[in-house]
Amino acid sequence: MGTKSWWSRTDNRLLEVALGLATLFVGVFGVLVPALGVVGLIDPVDSREVKTATTTQVPGTVTDAVAGHGMTLTGTHRADLVFAHPDLGRRLLLALPDVIGSLLLLLVLTLLVQMARTLRDGDVFVPKNARRLSVIGLTVLVLAVLSPVLPALTTQALVSGTPMAEQIPFSVTFTGEYVLLAFLILALGEVFRRGTKLRADTEGLV
């Protein structure tokens, strides 16, 4: 007696469309738009939220930094570092963390789209999907490390050699949620790999 799957072709199409739209959204607003800003075709990103060395307002010496380096720092512990007219190098450093994060997210979404397409045949438990899950897990792990590190590194490059460097210390804060998610995905990929291998061995005995 056969069993009818609750997952229909319509569900699969909707999943593919949703993932496709998410991929397009990230590609346009996470990569293309910032890249256009870097080359000067549209208004670039000109500010970044930073942590300051103290919880008090930045002293008046910042006025000199504005005149000499084209940047202002306003706020207290969480402050905004704003560039009046960022050059190409600064535009690149300001956009780099978001662009790299978006590229990694695009890789994850592309692999998810490829996995969703395997549902057309009614079987997602195939060796390729096990490998895709492993790549997704590693990508999420890389993203978990780079997300806090890249902004910190690029911020230090932006303020290096300016009076702002004394006000903005190097600061990296890691969170465990994405690391845990990465290991869960890697574990799921291993389950897929062993399941597909076991099924192949079983089918070989029939």
N, C-alpha and C. Protein backbone atom coordinates (compact mmCIF):
# COMPACT_ATOMS: atom_id res chain seq x y z
N MET A 1 0.85 -1.20 0.00
CA MET A 1 0.00 0.00 0.00
C MET A 1 0.88 1.25 0.00
N GLY A 2 0.68 2.12 -0.99
CA GLY A 2 1.50 3.31 -1.11
C GLY A 2 1.03 4.41 -0.18
N THR A 3 1.91 5.33 0.06
CA THR A 3 1.58 6.50 0.88
C THR A 3 1.73 7.74 0.02
N LYS A 4 0.86 8.67 0.21
CA LYS A 4 0.87 9.90 -0.56
C LYS A 4 1.65 10.97 0.20
N SER A 5 2.61 11.57 -0.48
CA SER A 5 3.43 12.60 0.16
C SER A 5 2.62 13.87 0.34
N TRP A 6 2.84 14.55 1.47
CA TRP A 6 2.15 15.82 1.72
C TRP A 6 2.77 16.95 0.91
N TRP A 7 3.97 16.69 0.34
CA TRP A 7 4.67 17.73 -0.43
C TRP A 7 4.27 17.61 -1.90
N SER A 8 3.67 18.64 -2.43
CA SER A 8 3.18 18.61 -3.81
C SER A 8 4.12 19.37 -4.74
N ARG A 9 3.87 19.24 -6.04
CA ARG A 9 4.66 19.98 -7.02
C ARG A 9 4.49 21.48 -6.85
N THR A 10 3.28 21.89 -6.47
CA THR A 10 3.03 23.32 -6.23
C THR A 10 3.87 23.83 -5.08
N ASP A 11 3.95 23.04 -4.01
CA ASP A 11 4.80 23.41 -2.87
C ASP A 11 6.26 23.57 -3.31
N ASN A 12 6.71 22.65 -4.15
CA ASN A 12 8.08 22.70 -4.61
C ASN A 12 8.33 23.93 -5.47
N ARG A 13 7.38 24.26 -6.34
CA ARG A 13 7.51 25.45 -7.17
C ARG A 13 7.55 26.71 -6.32
N LEU A 14 6.68 26.77 -5.32
CA LEU A 14 6.65 27.93 -4.44
C LEU A 14 7.96 28.08 -3.69
N LEU A 15 8.53 26.95 -3.24
CA LEU A 15 9.82 26.99 -2.55
C LEU A 15 10.91 27.50 -3.47
N GLU A 16 10.92 27.00 -4.71
CA GLU A 16 11.94 27.44 -5.66
C GLU A 16 11.80 28.93 -5.97
N VAL A 17 10.56 29.39 -6.12
CA VAL A 17 10.33 30.81 -6.40
C VAL A 17 10.78 31.67 -5.23
N ALA A 18 10.45 31.24 -4.00
CA ALA A 18 10.83 32.01 -2.81
C ALA A 18 12.35 32.09 -2.69
N LEU A 19 13.03 30.96 -2.90
CA LEU A 19 14.49 30.97 -2.82
C LEU A 19 15.10 31.79 -3.95
N GLY A 20 14.48 31.71 -5.15
CA GLY A 20 14.96 32.50 -6.27
C GLY A 20 14.83 33.99 -6.02
N LEU A 21 13.70 34.40 -5.45
CA LEU A 21 13.50 35.81 -5.13
C LEU A 21 14.47 36.28 -4.05
N ALA A 22 14.69 35.43 -3.05
CA ALA A 22 15.66 35.78 -2.00
C ALA A 22 17.06 35.94 -2.58
N THR A 23 17.43 35.05 -3.51
CA THR A 23 18.73 35.14 -4.16
C THR A 23 18.85 36.43 -4.96
N LEU A 24 17.80 36.76 -5.70
CA LEU A 24 17.79 38.00 -6.48
C LEU A 24 17.89 39.23 -5.58
N PHE A 25 17.15 39.23 -4.48
CA PHE A 25 17.15 40.35 -3.55
C PHE A 25 18.54 40.57 -2.97
N VAL A 26 19.17 39.49 -2.52
CA VAL A 26 20.51 39.60 -1.93
C VAL A 26 21.52 40.04 -2.99
N GLY A 27 21.39 39.49 -4.20
CA GLY A 27 22.31 39.85 -5.26
C GLY A 27 22.23 41.33 -5.62
N VAL A 28 21.00 41.86 -5.69
CA VAL A 28 20.82 43.25 -6.09
C VAL A 28 21.20 44.21 -4.97
N PHE A 29 20.59 44.00 -3.78
CA PHE A 29 20.77 44.98 -2.70
C PHE A 29 22.00 44.69 -1.82
N GLY A 30 22.49 43.46 -1.85
CA GLY A 30 23.66 43.14 -1.04
C GLY A 30 24.97 43.22 -1.79
N VAL A 31 24.92 43.09 -3.12
CA VAL A 31 26.16 43.09 -3.91
C VAL A 31 26.16 44.20 -4.96
N LEU A 32 25.15 44.21 -5.82
CA LEU A 32 25.14 45.15 -6.94
C LEU A 32 25.06 46.62 -6.48
N VAL A 33 24.10 46.93 -5.62
CA VAL A 33 23.93 48.32 -5.17
C VAL A 33 25.17 48.84 -4.44
N PRO A 34 25.74 48.08 -3.47
CA PRO A 34 26.98 48.57 -2.85
C PRO A 34 28.13 48.72 -3.84
N ALA A 35 28.21 47.80 -4.82
CA ALA A 35 29.28 47.90 -5.82
C ALA A 35 29.13 49.16 -6.66
N LEU A 36 27.89 49.49 -7.02
CA LEU A 36 27.65 50.72 -7.78
C LEU A 36 28.02 51.95 -6.95
N GLY A 37 27.80 51.88 -5.64
CA GLY A 37 28.19 52.97 -4.76
C GLY A 37 29.70 53.12 -4.68
N VAL A 38 30.41 51.99 -4.67
CA VAL A 38 31.87 52.04 -4.59
C VAL A 38 32.46 52.73 -5.81
N VAL A 39 31.93 52.42 -7.00
CA VAL A 39 32.48 53.01 -8.22
C VAL A 39 31.92 54.40 -8.49
N GLY A 40 30.97 54.86 -7.65
CA GLY A 40 30.48 56.23 -7.75
C GLY A 40 29.29 56.44 -8.66
N LEU A 41 28.64 55.36 -9.11
CA LEU A 41 27.48 55.52 -9.98
C LEU A 41 26.22 55.90 -9.21
N ILE A 42 26.16 55.55 -7.93
CA ILE A 42 25.07 55.97 -7.06
C ILE A 42 25.68 56.44 -5.75
N ASP A 43 24.85 57.00 -4.87
CA ASP A 43 25.35 57.45 -3.57
C ASP A 43 25.94 56.28 -2.79
N PRO A 44 27.19 56.39 -2.35
CA PRO A 44 27.82 55.27 -1.65
C PRO A 44 27.45 55.23 -0.18
N VAL A 45 27.78 54.12 0.45
CA VAL A 45 27.72 54.05 1.91
C VAL A 45 28.77 55.00 2.46
N ASP A 46 28.38 55.91 3.36
CA ASP A 46 29.33 56.90 3.87
C ASP A 46 29.43 56.92 5.38
N SER A 47 28.88 55.89 6.05
CA SER A 47 28.95 55.88 7.52
C SER A 47 29.05 54.45 8.02
N ARG A 48 29.46 54.35 9.26
CA ARG A 48 29.54 53.04 9.91
C ARG A 48 29.33 53.21 11.40
N GLU A 49 28.57 52.31 11.99
CA GLU A 49 28.40 52.33 13.44
C GLU A 49 29.61 51.70 14.09
N VAL A 50 30.17 52.38 15.08
CA VAL A 50 31.39 51.91 15.75
C VAL A 50 31.23 52.00 17.26
N LYS A 51 32.12 51.31 17.96
CA LYS A 51 32.20 51.43 19.41
C LYS A 51 33.35 52.38 19.75
N THR A 52 33.07 53.34 20.62
CA THR A 52 34.11 54.29 21.01
C THR A 52 34.79 53.83 22.29
N ALA A 53 35.93 54.45 22.56
CA ALA A 53 36.73 54.05 23.72
C ALA A 53 36.08 54.45 25.03
N THR A 54 35.25 55.50 25.01
CA THR A 54 34.59 55.97 26.22
C THR A 54 33.11 56.07 25.97
N THR A 55 32.36 56.24 27.05
CA THR A 55 30.91 56.40 26.93
C THR A 55 30.50 57.85 26.96
N THR A 56 31.47 58.76 26.83
CA THR A 56 31.17 60.18 26.82
C THR A 56 31.21 60.71 25.40
N GLN A 57 30.65 61.89 25.22
CA GLN A 57 30.65 62.49 23.89
C GLN A 57 32.08 62.74 23.43
N VAL A 58 32.30 62.56 22.15
CA VAL A 58 33.64 62.77 21.60
C VAL A 58 34.04 64.22 21.81
N PRO A 59 35.26 64.48 22.31
CA PRO A 59 35.67 65.85 22.63
C PRO A 59 35.78 66.73 21.39
N GLY A 60 35.96 68.04 21.65
CA GLY A 60 35.97 69.01 20.57
C GLY A 60 37.11 68.86 19.60
N THR A 61 38.14 68.10 19.94
CA THR A 61 39.25 67.92 19.01
C THR A 61 38.82 67.21 17.75
N VAL A 62 37.61 66.61 17.77
CA VAL A 62 37.12 65.95 16.57
C VAL A 62 36.95 66.94 15.44
N THR A 63 36.71 68.21 15.75
CA THR A 63 36.55 69.23 14.71
C THR A 63 37.81 69.30 13.85
N ASP A 64 38.99 69.21 14.46
CA ASP A 64 40.23 69.21 13.71
C ASP A 64 40.31 67.99 12.80
N ALA A 65 39.85 66.84 13.30
CA ALA A 65 39.88 65.62 12.50
C ALA A 65 38.97 65.75 11.29
N VAL A 66 37.82 66.41 11.49
CA VAL A 66 36.89 66.60 10.37
C VAL A 66 37.56 67.42 9.29
N ALA A 67 38.26 68.50 9.68
CA ALA A 67 38.90 69.38 8.71
C ALA A 67 40.04 68.68 7.99
N GLY A 68 40.73 67.81 8.72
CA GLY A 68 41.90 67.19 8.11
C GLY A 68 41.66 65.86 7.45
N HIS A 69 40.62 65.16 7.85
CA HIS A 69 40.44 63.80 7.37
C HIS A 69 39.03 63.54 6.81
N GLY A 70 38.19 64.53 6.80
CA GLY A 70 36.88 64.38 6.18
C GLY A 70 35.96 63.41 6.87
N MET A 71 36.04 63.31 8.21
CA MET A 71 35.16 62.40 8.93
C MET A 71 34.70 63.02 10.24
N THR A 72 33.53 62.57 10.68
CA THR A 72 33.00 63.00 11.98
C THR A 72 32.60 61.78 12.77
N LEU A 73 32.63 61.94 14.08
CA LEU A 73 32.24 60.86 14.98
C LEU A 73 31.24 61.42 15.97
N THR A 74 30.01 60.97 15.90
CA THR A 74 28.97 61.48 16.79
C THR A 74 28.32 60.34 17.54
N GLY A 75 28.07 60.58 18.81
CA GLY A 75 27.43 59.56 19.63
C GLY A 75 28.23 59.30 20.88
N THR A 76 27.82 58.28 21.63
CA THR A 76 28.53 57.94 22.86
C THR A 76 29.20 56.58 22.69
N HIS A 77 28.77 55.58 23.43
CA HIS A 77 29.42 54.28 23.33
C HIS A 77 29.20 53.67 21.95
N ARG A 78 27.99 53.79 21.43
CA ARG A 78 27.68 53.39 20.06
C ARG A 78 27.61 54.67 19.23
N ALA A 79 28.60 54.89 18.40
CA ALA A 79 28.69 56.15 17.65
C ALA A 79 28.64 55.89 16.15
N ASP A 80 28.38 56.95 15.40
CA ASP A 80 28.38 56.88 13.94
C ASP A 80 29.62 57.59 13.41
N LEU A 81 30.39 56.85 12.64
CA LEU A 81 31.55 57.41 11.96
C LEU A 81 31.11 57.77 10.54
N VAL A 82 31.09 59.06 10.24
CA VAL A 82 30.54 59.54 8.97
C VAL A 82 31.64 60.21 8.16
N PHE A 83 31.69 59.89 6.86
CA PHE A 83 32.67 60.47 5.95
C PHE A 83 31.97 61.46 5.04
N ALA A 84 32.52 62.68 4.96
CA ALA A 84 31.90 63.72 4.15
C ALA A 84 31.98 63.39 2.67
N HIS A 85 33.16 63.07 2.19
CA HIS A 85 33.36 62.76 0.77
C HIS A 85 34.35 61.60 0.67
N PRO A 86 33.89 60.37 0.93
CA PRO A 86 34.81 59.23 0.91
C PRO A 86 35.39 58.98 -0.47
N ASP A 87 36.69 58.73 -0.53
CA ASP A 87 37.32 58.41 -1.81
C ASP A 87 37.07 56.93 -2.13
N LEU A 88 37.64 56.46 -3.24
CA LEU A 88 37.40 55.09 -3.69
C LEU A 88 37.82 54.08 -2.64
N GLY A 89 38.99 54.29 -2.03
CA GLY A 89 39.48 53.35 -1.03
C GLY A 89 38.56 53.26 0.18
N ARG A 90 38.09 54.41 0.65
CA ARG A 90 37.18 54.41 1.80
C ARG A 90 35.82 53.82 1.44
N ARG A 91 35.33 54.11 0.25
CA ARG A 91 34.05 53.54 -0.18
C ARG A 91 34.15 52.02 -0.23
N LEU A 92 35.29 51.51 -0.69
CA LEU A 92 35.48 50.07 -0.76
C LEU A 92 35.52 49.46 0.64
N LEU A 93 36.25 50.10 1.55
CA LEU A 93 36.34 49.58 2.92
C LEU A 93 34.99 49.63 3.63
N LEU A 94 34.20 50.66 3.37
CA LEU A 94 32.88 50.77 3.99
C LEU A 94 31.92 49.69 3.48
N ALA A 95 32.03 49.35 2.19
CA ALA A 95 31.09 48.40 1.60
C ALA A 95 31.55 46.95 1.72
N LEU A 96 32.85 46.74 1.92
CA LEU A 96 33.42 45.39 1.85
C LEU A 96 32.76 44.38 2.78
N PRO A 97 32.53 44.66 4.08
CA PRO A 97 31.93 43.64 4.95
C PRO A 97 30.56 43.18 4.48
N ASP A 98 29.71 44.13 4.06
CA ASP A 98 28.37 43.76 3.61
C ASP A 98 28.42 42.99 2.29
N VAL A 99 29.31 43.38 1.39
CA VAL A 99 29.40 42.70 0.09
C VAL A 99 29.87 41.26 0.27
N ILE A 100 30.90 41.06 1.07
CA ILE A 100 31.41 39.70 1.29
C ILE A 100 30.37 38.85 2.00
N GLY A 101 29.69 39.42 3.00
CA GLY A 101 28.63 38.68 3.67
C GLY A 101 27.52 38.31 2.72
N SER A 102 27.17 39.21 1.81
CA SER A 102 26.11 38.93 0.84
C SER A 102 26.54 37.87 -0.16
N LEU A 103 27.82 37.88 -0.57
CA LEU A 103 28.31 36.86 -1.49
C LEU A 103 28.26 35.47 -0.86
N LEU A 104 28.61 35.38 0.41
CA LEU A 104 28.52 34.10 1.11
C LEU A 104 27.06 33.65 1.24
N LEU A 105 26.18 34.61 1.52
CA LEU A 105 24.76 34.28 1.61
C LEU A 105 24.22 33.84 0.25
N LEU A 106 24.71 34.46 -0.82
CA LEU A 106 24.32 34.04 -2.17
C LEU A 106 24.72 32.60 -2.44
N LEU A 107 25.90 32.21 -1.98
CA LEU A 107 26.34 30.82 -2.14
C LEU A 107 25.39 29.87 -1.43
N VAL A 108 25.01 30.22 -0.20
CA VAL A 108 24.08 29.38 0.57
C VAL A 108 22.73 29.27 -0.16
N LEU A 109 22.21 30.38 -0.63
CA LEU A 109 20.92 30.38 -1.31
C LEU A 109 20.97 29.60 -2.62
N THR A 110 22.07 29.72 -3.34
CA THR A 110 22.22 28.98 -4.59
C THR A 110 22.21 27.48 -4.34
N LEU A 111 22.90 27.05 -3.31
CA LEU A 111 22.90 25.63 -2.97
C LEU A 111 21.52 25.16 -2.51
N LEU A 112 20.81 26.01 -1.78
CA LEU A 112 19.45 25.65 -1.36
C LEU A 112 18.51 25.53 -2.56
N VAL A 113 18.69 26.40 -3.56
CA VAL A 113 17.89 26.29 -4.78
C VAL A 113 18.17 24.96 -5.48
N GLN A 114 19.43 24.58 -5.55
CA GLN A 114 19.79 23.31 -6.18
C GLN A 114 19.21 22.13 -5.42
N MET A 115 19.19 22.24 -4.08
CA MET A 115 18.58 21.17 -3.29
C MET A 115 17.07 21.11 -3.52
N ALA A 116 16.45 22.27 -3.62
CA ALA A 116 15.00 22.30 -3.83
C ALA A 116 14.64 21.66 -5.16
N ARG A 117 15.50 21.81 -6.16
CA ARG A 117 15.22 21.23 -7.49
C ARG A 117 15.22 19.71 -7.46
N THR A 118 15.98 19.13 -6.51
CA THR A 118 15.99 17.66 -6.43
C THR A 118 14.65 17.12 -5.94
N LEU A 119 13.85 17.99 -5.33
CA LEU A 119 12.52 17.56 -4.88
C LEU A 119 11.59 17.30 -6.05
N ARG A 120 11.93 17.80 -7.24
CA ARG A 120 11.09 17.54 -8.40
C ARG A 120 10.95 16.05 -8.66
N ASP A 121 12.04 15.30 -8.36
CA ASP A 121 12.02 13.86 -8.55
C ASP A 121 11.49 13.13 -7.31
N GLY A 122 11.09 13.92 -6.31
CA GLY A 122 10.52 13.33 -5.10
C GLY A 122 11.52 12.74 -4.15
N ASP A 123 12.79 13.05 -4.32
CA ASP A 123 13.81 12.46 -3.44
C ASP A 123 14.91 13.49 -3.18
N VAL A 124 14.95 13.99 -1.96
CA VAL A 124 15.98 14.96 -1.60
C VAL A 124 17.23 14.28 -1.03
N PHE A 125 17.10 12.97 -0.69
CA PHE A 125 18.22 12.25 -0.08
C PHE A 125 19.12 11.66 -1.15
N VAL A 126 19.91 12.54 -1.76
CA VAL A 126 20.86 12.14 -2.80
C VAL A 126 22.25 12.60 -2.38
N PRO A 127 23.31 11.94 -2.88
CA PRO A 127 24.67 12.29 -2.45
C PRO A 127 25.04 13.75 -2.69
N LYS A 128 24.56 14.33 -3.78
CA LYS A 128 24.89 15.73 -4.06
C LYS A 128 24.38 16.66 -2.96
N ASN A 129 23.21 16.35 -2.41
CA ASN A 129 22.65 17.20 -1.36
C ASN A 129 23.44 17.08 -0.07
N ALA A 130 24.01 15.91 0.18
CA ALA A 130 24.87 15.75 1.36
C ALA A 130 26.09 16.67 1.23
N ARG A 131 26.67 16.72 0.04
CA ARG A 131 27.83 17.60 -0.18
C ARG A 131 27.41 19.07 -0.10
N ARG A 132 26.23 19.37 -0.64
CA ARG A 132 25.75 20.76 -0.58
C ARG A 132 25.53 21.21 0.85
N LEU A 133 24.99 20.33 1.68
CA LEU A 133 24.78 20.69 3.09
C LEU A 133 26.11 20.93 3.79
N SER A 134 27.12 20.14 3.45
CA SER A 134 28.44 20.34 4.05
C SER A 134 29.01 21.69 3.66
N VAL A 135 28.86 22.06 2.39
CA VAL A 135 29.35 23.36 1.92
C VAL A 135 28.57 24.49 2.60
N ILE A 136 27.25 24.31 2.74
CA ILE A 136 26.44 25.32 3.42
C ILE A 136 26.90 25.50 4.86
N GLY A 137 27.12 24.38 5.55
CA GLY A 137 27.57 24.45 6.94
C GLY A 137 28.90 25.18 7.08
N LEU A 138 29.85 24.86 6.19
CA LEU A 138 31.15 25.53 6.23
C LEU A 138 31.02 27.02 5.89
N THR A 139 30.13 27.33 4.95
CA THR A 139 29.93 28.73 4.58
C THR A 139 29.34 29.53 5.75
N VAL A 140 28.37 28.95 6.44
CA VAL A 140 27.78 29.61 7.60
C VAL A 140 28.83 29.80 8.69
N LEU A 141 29.72 28.82 8.84
CA LEU A 141 30.79 28.94 9.84
C LEU A 141 31.75 30.07 9.48
N VAL A 142 32.12 30.16 8.21
CA VAL A 142 32.98 31.26 7.76
C VAL A 142 32.28 32.60 7.97
N LEU A 143 30.98 32.63 7.66
CA LEU A 143 30.21 33.86 7.83
C LEU A 143 30.16 34.27 9.30
N ALA A 144 30.05 33.29 10.19
CA ALA A 144 30.01 33.58 11.63
C ALA A 144 31.31 34.21 12.11
N VAL A 145 32.42 33.84 11.48
CA VAL A 145 33.72 34.41 11.88
C VAL A 145 33.95 35.76 11.22
N LEU A 146 33.64 35.85 9.91
CA LEU A 146 33.94 37.08 9.18
C LEU A 146 33.00 38.23 9.52
N SER A 147 31.76 37.92 9.89
CA SER A 147 30.78 38.99 10.16
C SER A 147 31.25 39.98 11.21
N PRO A 148 31.83 39.54 12.33
CA PRO A 148 32.34 40.53 13.29
C PRO A 148 33.78 40.99 12.98
N VAL A 149 34.57 40.15 12.31
CA VAL A 149 35.99 40.47 12.10
C VAL A 149 36.17 41.50 11.00
N LEU A 150 35.48 41.34 9.87
CA LEU A 150 35.66 42.26 8.74
C LEU A 150 35.32 43.71 9.08
N PRO A 151 34.18 43.98 9.75
CA PRO A 151 33.92 45.38 10.12
C PRO A 151 35.00 45.96 11.02
N ALA A 152 35.50 45.15 11.95
CA ALA A 152 36.54 45.64 12.86
C ALA A 152 37.82 45.96 12.10
N LEU A 153 38.24 45.06 11.20
CA LEU A 153 39.46 45.28 10.44
C LEU A 153 39.35 46.48 9.51
N THR A 154 38.22 46.58 8.81
CA THR A 154 38.06 47.68 7.86
C THR A 154 37.90 49.01 8.59
N THR A 155 37.28 48.99 9.76
CA THR A 155 37.17 50.23 10.54
C THR A 155 38.54 50.72 10.97
N GLN A 156 39.39 49.80 11.40
CA GLN A 156 40.75 50.20 11.79
C GLN A 156 41.52 50.74 10.60
N ALA A 157 41.31 50.16 9.43
CA ALA A 157 41.97 50.67 8.22
C ALA A 157 41.45 52.07 7.88
N LEU A 158 40.17 52.32 8.13
CA LEU A 158 39.58 53.62 7.81
C LEU A 158 40.12 54.74 8.70
N VAL A 159 40.35 54.42 9.97
CA VAL A 159 40.77 55.48 10.92
C VAL A 159 42.26 55.47 11.19
N SER A 160 42.99 54.54 10.60
CA SER A 160 44.42 54.45 10.85
C SER A 160 45.13 55.75 10.43
N GLY A 161 45.97 56.25 11.33
CA GLY A 161 46.72 57.46 11.04
C GLY A 161 45.94 58.75 11.24
N THR A 162 44.74 58.66 11.82
CA THR A 162 43.93 59.85 12.09
C THR A 162 43.68 59.96 13.58
N PRO A 163 43.26 61.13 14.06
CA PRO A 163 42.91 61.27 15.49
C PRO A 163 41.78 60.34 15.91
N MET A 164 40.98 59.88 14.97
CA MET A 164 39.87 58.99 15.31
C MET A 164 40.36 57.66 15.84
N ALA A 165 41.58 57.28 15.49
CA ALA A 165 42.11 55.98 15.91
C ALA A 165 42.15 55.86 17.43
N GLU A 166 42.36 56.99 18.13
CA GLU A 166 42.38 56.95 19.59
C GLU A 166 40.99 56.78 20.18
N GLN A 167 39.99 57.21 19.44
CA GLN A 167 38.61 57.14 19.93
C GLN A 167 37.93 55.81 19.59
N ILE A 168 38.44 55.11 18.59
CA ILE A 168 37.79 53.89 18.12
C ILE A 168 38.75 52.72 18.28
N PRO A 169 38.65 51.94 19.35
CA PRO A 169 39.55 50.81 19.54
C PRO A 169 39.13 49.62 18.67
N PHE A 170 40.08 48.73 18.46
CA PHE A 170 39.76 47.49 17.74
C PHE A 170 38.86 46.64 18.62
N SER A 171 37.70 46.28 18.09
CA SER A 171 36.72 45.55 18.90
C SER A 171 36.02 44.51 18.05
N VAL A 172 36.05 43.27 18.51
CA VAL A 172 35.37 42.16 17.84
C VAL A 172 34.52 41.42 18.85
N THR A 173 33.25 41.23 18.53
CA THR A 173 32.35 40.51 19.42
C THR A 173 31.76 39.32 18.67
N PHE A 174 32.09 38.12 19.12
CA PHE A 174 31.58 36.91 18.48
C PHE A 174 30.30 36.45 19.18
N THR A 175 29.39 35.90 18.39
CA THR A 175 28.18 35.30 18.95
C THR A 175 28.14 33.83 18.55
N GLY A 176 27.56 33.01 19.42
CA GLY A 176 27.59 31.58 19.18
C GLY A 176 26.45 31.03 18.36
N GLU A 177 25.43 31.84 18.05
CA GLU A 177 24.26 31.32 17.36
C GLU A 177 24.60 30.76 15.99
N TYR A 178 25.35 31.53 15.19
CA TYR A 178 25.67 31.08 13.84
C TYR A 178 26.65 29.92 13.85
N VAL A 179 27.54 29.90 14.84
CA VAL A 179 28.46 28.77 14.96
C VAL A 179 27.68 27.50 15.26
N LEU A 180 26.72 27.59 16.18
CA LEU A 180 25.88 26.44 16.49
C LEU A 180 25.08 26.00 15.27
N LEU A 181 24.53 26.97 14.54
CA LEU A 181 23.77 26.65 13.32
C LEU A 181 24.66 25.95 12.30
N ALA A 182 25.89 26.41 12.17
CA ALA A 182 26.81 25.80 11.21
C ALA A 182 27.08 24.35 11.55
N PHE A 183 27.31 24.06 12.83
CA PHE A 183 27.58 22.68 13.22
C PHE A 183 26.34 21.79 13.09
N LEU A 184 25.16 22.36 13.31
CA LEU A 184 23.93 21.60 13.09
C LEU A 184 23.76 21.24 11.62
N ILE A 185 24.07 22.19 10.74
CA ILE A 185 23.96 21.92 9.30
C ILE A 185 25.00 20.88 8.87
N LEU A 186 26.21 20.98 9.41
CA LEU A 186 27.24 19.99 9.10
C LEU A 186 26.83 18.61 9.58
N ALA A 187 26.21 18.55 10.76
CA ALA A 187 25.72 17.27 11.28
C ALA A 187 24.62 16.71 10.39
N LEU A 188 23.72 17.59 9.93
CA LEU A 188 22.66 17.16 9.02
C LEU A 188 23.24 16.64 7.71
N GLY A 189 24.30 17.31 7.22
CA GLY A 189 24.95 16.84 6.01
C GLY A 189 25.55 15.45 6.18
N GLU A 190 26.10 15.20 7.37
CA GLU A 190 26.66 13.87 7.64
C GLU A 190 25.55 12.82 7.71
N VAL A 191 24.40 13.18 8.27
CA VAL A 191 23.26 12.27 8.29
C VAL A 191 22.82 11.94 6.86
N PHE A 192 22.75 12.97 6.02
CA PHE A 192 22.40 12.76 4.60
C PHE A 192 23.41 11.81 3.95
N ARG A 193 24.70 12.05 4.19
CA ARG A 193 25.73 11.25 3.55
C ARG A 193 25.62 9.78 3.96
N ARG A 194 25.47 9.55 5.25
CA ARG A 194 25.37 8.16 5.72
C ARG A 194 24.08 7.50 5.26
N GLY A 195 22.98 8.30 5.23
CA GLY A 195 21.71 7.75 4.77
C GLY A 195 21.74 7.34 3.32
N THR A 196 22.33 8.18 2.47
CA THR A 196 22.40 7.85 1.04
C THR A 196 23.34 6.67 0.80
N LYS A 197 24.43 6.60 1.57
CA LYS A 197 25.35 5.47 1.43
C LYS A 197 24.68 4.17 1.86
N LEU A 198 23.94 4.22 2.97
CA LEU A 198 23.24 3.05 3.47
C LEU A 198 22.19 2.59 2.47
N ARG A 199 21.47 3.52 1.87
CA ARG A 199 20.45 3.15 0.90
C ARG A 199 21.07 2.54 -0.35
N ALA A 200 22.22 3.10 -0.78
CA ALA A 200 22.90 2.55 -1.95
C ALA A 200 23.38 1.14 -1.67
N ASP A 201 23.90 0.90 -0.45
CA ASP A 201 24.35 -0.44 -0.11
C ASP A 201 23.18 -1.41 -0.05
N THR A 202 22.03 -0.94 0.47
CA THR A 202 20.85 -1.79 0.57
C THR A 202 20.31 -2.14 -0.80
N GLU A 203 20.27 -1.13 -1.70
CA GLU A 203 19.77 -1.38 -3.05
C GLU A 203 20.69 -2.34 -3.81
N GLY A 204 21.99 -2.32 -3.46
CA GLY A 204 22.91 -3.22 -4.11
C GLY A 204 22.70 -4.67 -3.71
N LEU A 205 22.06 -4.89 -2.56
CA LEU A 205 21.82 -6.26 -2.10
C LEU A 205 20.54 -6.85 -2.67
N VAL A 206 19.68 -5.96 -3.20
CA VAL A 206 18.40 -6.44 -3.74
C VAL A 206 18.59 -7.00 -5.14
